[in-house]
């Protein structure tokens, strides 16, 4: 009886080299070999990507009272790749009111993952002009 070997390839994104890394696993999904990485970061990235791929999700939410109708947001940490579409459904429900500061939580503990959705840009109220500092000459 021959052993089935699964082989998956990844492009490592942990440094500028962009190594093509191959991960070989047995029929039970256990990693048997990782080749092609030029540094330890590539091995760790490939191992993680093989067993539990994670992503930072970026999107936009609806914002009222601002010059732009959408506010850019992202997850505060990595989420499982398999939960991206579920997370997007939750993000589409979010509506915020201006003003909002970058880093402010606009939705907390999304999907019970302990991850927040945070604003990535300040958004002032429509028509708001920050006071201008006059420098004497």
C-alpha atoms as a PDB file:
ATOM      1  CA  UNK A   1       0.000   0.000   0.000  1.00  0.00           C
ATOM      2  CA  UNK A   2       1.497   3.345  -1.034  1.00  0.00           C
ATOM      3  CA  UNK A   3       1.420   6.364   1.215  1.00  0.00           C
ATOM      4  CA  UNK A   4      -0.334   9.370  -0.244  1.00  0.00           C
ATOM      5  CA  UNK A   5       1.747  12.543  -0.064  1.00  0.00           C
ATOM      6  CA  UNK A   6      -0.042  15.894  -0.309  1.00  0.00           C
ATOM      7  CA  UNK A   7       2.051  18.767  -1.639  1.00  0.00           C
ATOM      8  CA  UNK A   8       1.084  22.427  -1.385  1.00  0.00           C
ATOM      9  CA  UNK A   9       3.036  25.467  -2.522  1.00  0.00           C
ATOM     10  CA  UNK A  10       3.075  28.917  -0.926  1.00  0.00           C
ATOM     11  CA  UNK A  11       4.791  32.187  -1.690  1.00  0.00           C
ATOM     12  CA  UNK A  12       6.165  33.431   1.606  1.00  0.00           C
ATOM     13  CA  UNK A  13       5.227  37.046   2.385  1.00  0.00           C
ATOM     14  CA  UNK A  14       7.268  37.448   5.562  1.00  0.00           C
ATOM     15  CA  UNK A  15      10.220  39.202   3.900  1.00  0.00           C
ATOM     16  CA  UNK A  16      11.083  40.723   0.509  1.00  0.00           C
ATOM     17  CA  UNK A  17      12.598  37.479  -0.842  1.00  0.00           C
ATOM     18  CA  UNK A  18       9.179  35.941  -1.594  1.00  0.00           C
ATOM     19  CA  UNK A  19      10.414  32.354  -1.428  1.00  0.00           C
ATOM     20  CA  UNK A  20       8.365  29.624  -3.067  1.00  0.00           C
ATOM     21  CA  UNK A  21       7.918  27.106  -0.271  1.00  0.00           C
ATOM     22  CA  UNK A  22       6.630  23.567  -0.686  1.00  0.00           C
ATOM     23  CA  UNK A  23       4.933  21.773   2.195  1.00  0.00           C
ATOM     24  CA  UNK A  24       4.576  18.003   1.979  1.00  0.00           C
ATOM     25  CA  UNK A  25       2.234  16.162   4.317  1.00  0.00           C
ATOM     26  CA  UNK A  26       1.065  12.611   4.812  1.00  0.00           C
ATOM     27  CA  UNK A  27      -2.488  11.309   4.380  1.00  0.00           C
ATOM     28  CA  UNK A  28      -3.324  12.404   7.955  1.00  0.00           C
ATOM     29  CA  UNK A  29      -2.340  16.007   7.206  1.00  0.00           C
ATOM     30  CA  UNK A  30       0.852  15.905   9.274  1.00  0.00           C
ATOM     31  CA  UNK A  31       3.662  17.976   7.819  1.00  0.00           C
ATOM     32  CA  UNK A  32       6.571  15.772   6.794  1.00  0.00           C
ATOM     33  CA  UNK A  33       8.762  18.247   4.898  1.00  0.00           C
ATOM     34  CA  UNK A  34       9.087  21.968   4.211  1.00  0.00           C
ATOM     35  CA  UNK A  35      11.466  23.017   1.445  1.00  0.00           C
ATOM     36  CA  UNK A  36      12.310  26.188  -0.438  1.00  0.00           C
ATOM     37  CA  UNK A  37      12.385  28.686   2.432  1.00  0.00           C
ATOM     38  CA  UNK A  38      15.584  30.692   2.780  1.00  0.00           C
ATOM     39  CA  UNK A  39      14.981  31.700   6.397  1.00  0.00           C
ATOM     40  CA  UNK A  40      13.126  30.448   9.506  1.00  0.00           C
ATOM     41  CA  UNK A  41      10.313  32.952   8.899  1.00  0.00           C
ATOM     42  CA  UNK A  42       9.409  31.103   5.700  1.00  0.00           C
ATOM     43  CA  UNK A  43       9.122  27.805   7.521  1.00  0.00           C
ATOM     44  CA  UNK A  44       6.877  29.290  10.220  1.00  0.00           C
ATOM     45  CA  UNK A  45       4.713  31.127   7.650  1.00  0.00           C
ATOM     46  CA  UNK A  46       4.266  27.976   5.530  1.00  0.00           C
ATOM     47  CA  UNK A  47       3.516  25.804   8.551  1.00  0.00           C
ATOM     48  CA  UNK A  48       0.871  28.289   9.758  1.00  0.00           C
ATOM     49  CA  UNK A  49      -0.576  28.798   6.272  1.00  0.00           C
ATOM     50  CA  UNK A  50      -0.830  25.037   5.782  1.00  0.00           C
ATOM     51  CA  UNK A  51      -2.508  24.247   9.085  1.00  0.00           C
ATOM     52  CA  UNK A  52      -4.484  27.386   9.997  1.00  0.00           C
ATOM     53  CA  UNK A  53      -4.418  30.272   7.503  1.00  0.00           C
ATOM     54  CA  UNK A  54      -5.140  33.642   9.097  1.00  0.00           C
ATOM     55  CA  UNK A  55      -5.768  37.080   7.600  1.00  0.00           C
ATOM     56  CA  UNK A  56      -6.283  40.721   8.531  1.00  0.00           C
ATOM     57  CA  UNK A  57      -9.548  41.769   6.905  1.00  0.00           C
ATOM     58  CA  UNK A  58      -9.914  45.265   5.481  1.00  0.00           C
ATOM     59  CA  UNK A  59     -13.200  46.752   4.336  1.00  0.00           C
ATOM     60  CA  UNK A  60     -15.439  49.794   4.754  1.00  0.00           C
ATOM     61  CA  UNK A  61     -18.522  50.566   6.829  1.00  0.00           C
ATOM     62  CA  UNK A  62     -21.325  53.052   6.334  1.00  0.00           C
ATOM     63  CA  UNK A  63     -20.802  56.405   8.062  1.00  0.00           C
ATOM     64  CA  UNK A  64     -23.414  59.115   8.561  1.00  0.00           C
ATOM     65  CA  UNK A  65     -22.680  62.827   8.711  1.00  0.00           C
ATOM     66  CA  UNK A  66     -19.266  62.673   7.048  1.00  0.00           C
ATOM     67  CA  UNK A  67     -18.066  64.027   3.710  1.00  0.00           C
ATOM     68  CA  UNK A  68     -17.543  60.461   2.465  1.00  0.00           C
ATOM     69  CA  UNK A  69     -20.298  57.814   2.858  1.00  0.00           C
ATOM     70  CA  UNK A  70     -17.816  54.998   3.699  1.00  0.00           C
ATOM     71  CA  UNK A  71     -15.213  54.662   6.458  1.00  0.00           C
ATOM     72  CA  UNK A  72     -12.224  52.334   5.948  1.00  0.00           C
ATOM     73  CA  UNK A  73     -11.856  49.691   8.668  1.00  0.00           C
ATOM     74  CA  UNK A  74      -9.857  46.551   9.459  1.00  0.00           C
ATOM     75  CA  UNK A  75      -9.791  43.747  11.962  1.00  0.00           C
ATOM     76  CA  UNK A  76      -7.705  44.510  15.037  1.00  0.00           C
ATOM     77  CA  UNK A  77      -5.897  41.187  14.647  1.00  0.00           C
ATOM     78  CA  UNK A  78      -5.744  38.131  12.428  1.00  0.00           C
ATOM     79  CA  UNK A  79      -8.906  36.092  11.884  1.00  0.00           C
ATOM     80  CA  UNK A  80      -9.210  32.568  10.469  1.00  0.00           C
ATOM     81  CA  UNK A  81      -9.383  32.694   6.679  1.00  0.00           C
ATOM     82  CA  UNK A  82     -12.440  30.429   6.842  1.00  0.00           C
ATOM     83  CA  UNK A  83     -14.364  33.148   8.752  1.00  0.00           C
ATOM     84  CA  UNK A  84     -13.756  36.039   6.312  1.00  0.00           C
ATOM     85  CA  UNK A  85     -17.160  35.867   4.627  1.00  0.00           C
ATOM     86  CA  UNK A  86     -18.970  35.565   7.974  1.00  0.00           C
ATOM     87  CA  UNK A  87     -17.044  38.592   9.206  1.00  0.00           C
ATOM     88  CA  UNK A  88     -17.931  40.559   6.066  1.00  0.00           C
ATOM     89  CA  UNK A  89     -21.638  39.895   6.718  1.00  0.00           C
ATOM     90  CA  UNK A  90     -21.226  41.459  10.165  1.00  0.00           C
ATOM     91  CA  UNK A  91     -19.216  44.399   8.829  1.00  0.00           C
ATOM     92  CA  UNK A  92     -21.954  45.194   6.298  1.00  0.00           C
ATOM     93  CA  UNK A  93     -24.405  45.674   9.189  1.00  0.00           C
ATOM     94  CA  UNK A  94     -22.230  48.332  10.886  1.00  0.00           C
ATOM     95  CA  UNK A  95     -23.264  51.983  10.631  1.00  0.00           C
ATOM     96  CA  UNK A  96     -21.362  54.705  12.492  1.00  0.00           C
ATOM     97  CA  UNK A  97     -21.793  58.458  12.940  1.00  0.00           C
ATOM     98  CA  UNK A  98     -19.079  61.032  12.390  1.00  0.00           C
ATOM     99  CA  UNK A  99     -16.758  62.024  13.929  1.00  0.00           C
ATOM    100  CA  UNK A 100     -14.642  58.877  14.188  1.00  0.00           C
ATOM    101  CA  UNK A 101     -10.927  58.687  15.014  1.00  0.00           C
ATOM    102  CA  UNK A 102      -8.458  56.222  13.501  1.00  0.00           C
ATOM    103  CA  UNK A 103      -8.094  53.245  15.827  1.00  0.00           C
ATOM    104  CA  UNK A 104     -11.576  53.675  17.304  1.00  0.00           C
ATOM    105  CA  UNK A 105     -13.531  50.428  17.692  1.00  0.00           C
ATOM    106  CA  UNK A 106     -16.608  50.476  15.453  1.00  0.00           C
ATOM    107  CA  UNK A 107     -17.674  46.858  16.191  1.00  0.00           C
ATOM    108  CA  UNK A 108     -16.490  44.754  19.102  1.00  0.00           C
ATOM    109  CA  UNK A 109     -15.845  41.029  19.461  1.00  0.00           C
ATOM    110  CA  UNK A 110     -16.954  40.151  15.935  1.00  0.00           C
ATOM    111  CA  UNK A 111     -18.263  36.580  15.653  1.00  0.00           C
ATOM    112  CA  UNK A 112     -17.162  35.964  19.240  1.00  0.00           C
ATOM    113  CA  UNK A 113     -13.549  35.781  18.083  1.00  0.00           C
ATOM    114  CA  UNK A 114     -12.336  38.460  20.491  1.00  0.00           C
ATOM    115  CA  UNK A 115     -11.405  40.606  17.486  1.00  0.00           C
ATOM    116  CA  UNK A 116     -12.646  44.154  16.986  1.00  0.00           C
ATOM    117  CA  UNK A 117     -13.297  46.141  13.823  1.00  0.00           C
ATOM    118  CA  UNK A 118     -11.394  49.434  13.998  1.00  0.00           C
ATOM    119  CA  UNK A 119     -11.408  52.598  11.901  1.00  0.00           C
ATOM    120  CA  UNK A 120      -8.246  53.127   9.873  1.00  0.00           C
ATOM    121  CA  UNK A 121      -8.812  56.824   9.186  1.00  0.00           C
ATOM    122  CA  UNK A 122     -10.165  59.865  11.001  1.00  0.00           C
ATOM    123  CA  UNK A 123     -13.501  61.040   9.684  1.00  0.00           C
ATOM    124  CA  UNK A 124     -14.810  64.440  10.774  1.00  0.00           C
ATOM    125  CA  UNK A 125     -18.378  65.673  10.556  1.00  0.00           C
ATOM    126  CA  UNK A 126     -19.377  67.013   7.173  1.00  0.00           C
ATOM    127  CA  UNK A 127     -18.568  70.710   6.932  1.00  0.00           C
ATOM    128  CA  UNK A 128     -16.216  70.568   9.937  1.00  0.00           C
ATOM    129  CA  UNK A 129     -13.002  72.499   9.498  1.00  0.00           C
ATOM    130  CA  UNK A 130     -10.324  72.024  12.108  1.00  0.00           C
ATOM    131  CA  UNK A 131      -9.145  75.301  13.574  1.00  0.00           C
ATOM    132  CA  UNK A 132      -6.206  76.668  11.684  1.00  0.00           C
ATOM    133  CA  UNK A 133      -3.176  77.598  13.637  1.00  0.00           C
ATOM    134  CA  UNK A 134      -1.948  81.049  12.752  1.00  0.00           C
ATOM    135  CA  UNK A 135       1.772  81.447  13.041  1.00  0.00           C
ATOM    136  CA  UNK A 136       2.898  85.050  13.596  1.00  0.00           C
ATOM    137  CA  UNK A 137       5.380  86.415  11.098  1.00  0.00           C
END
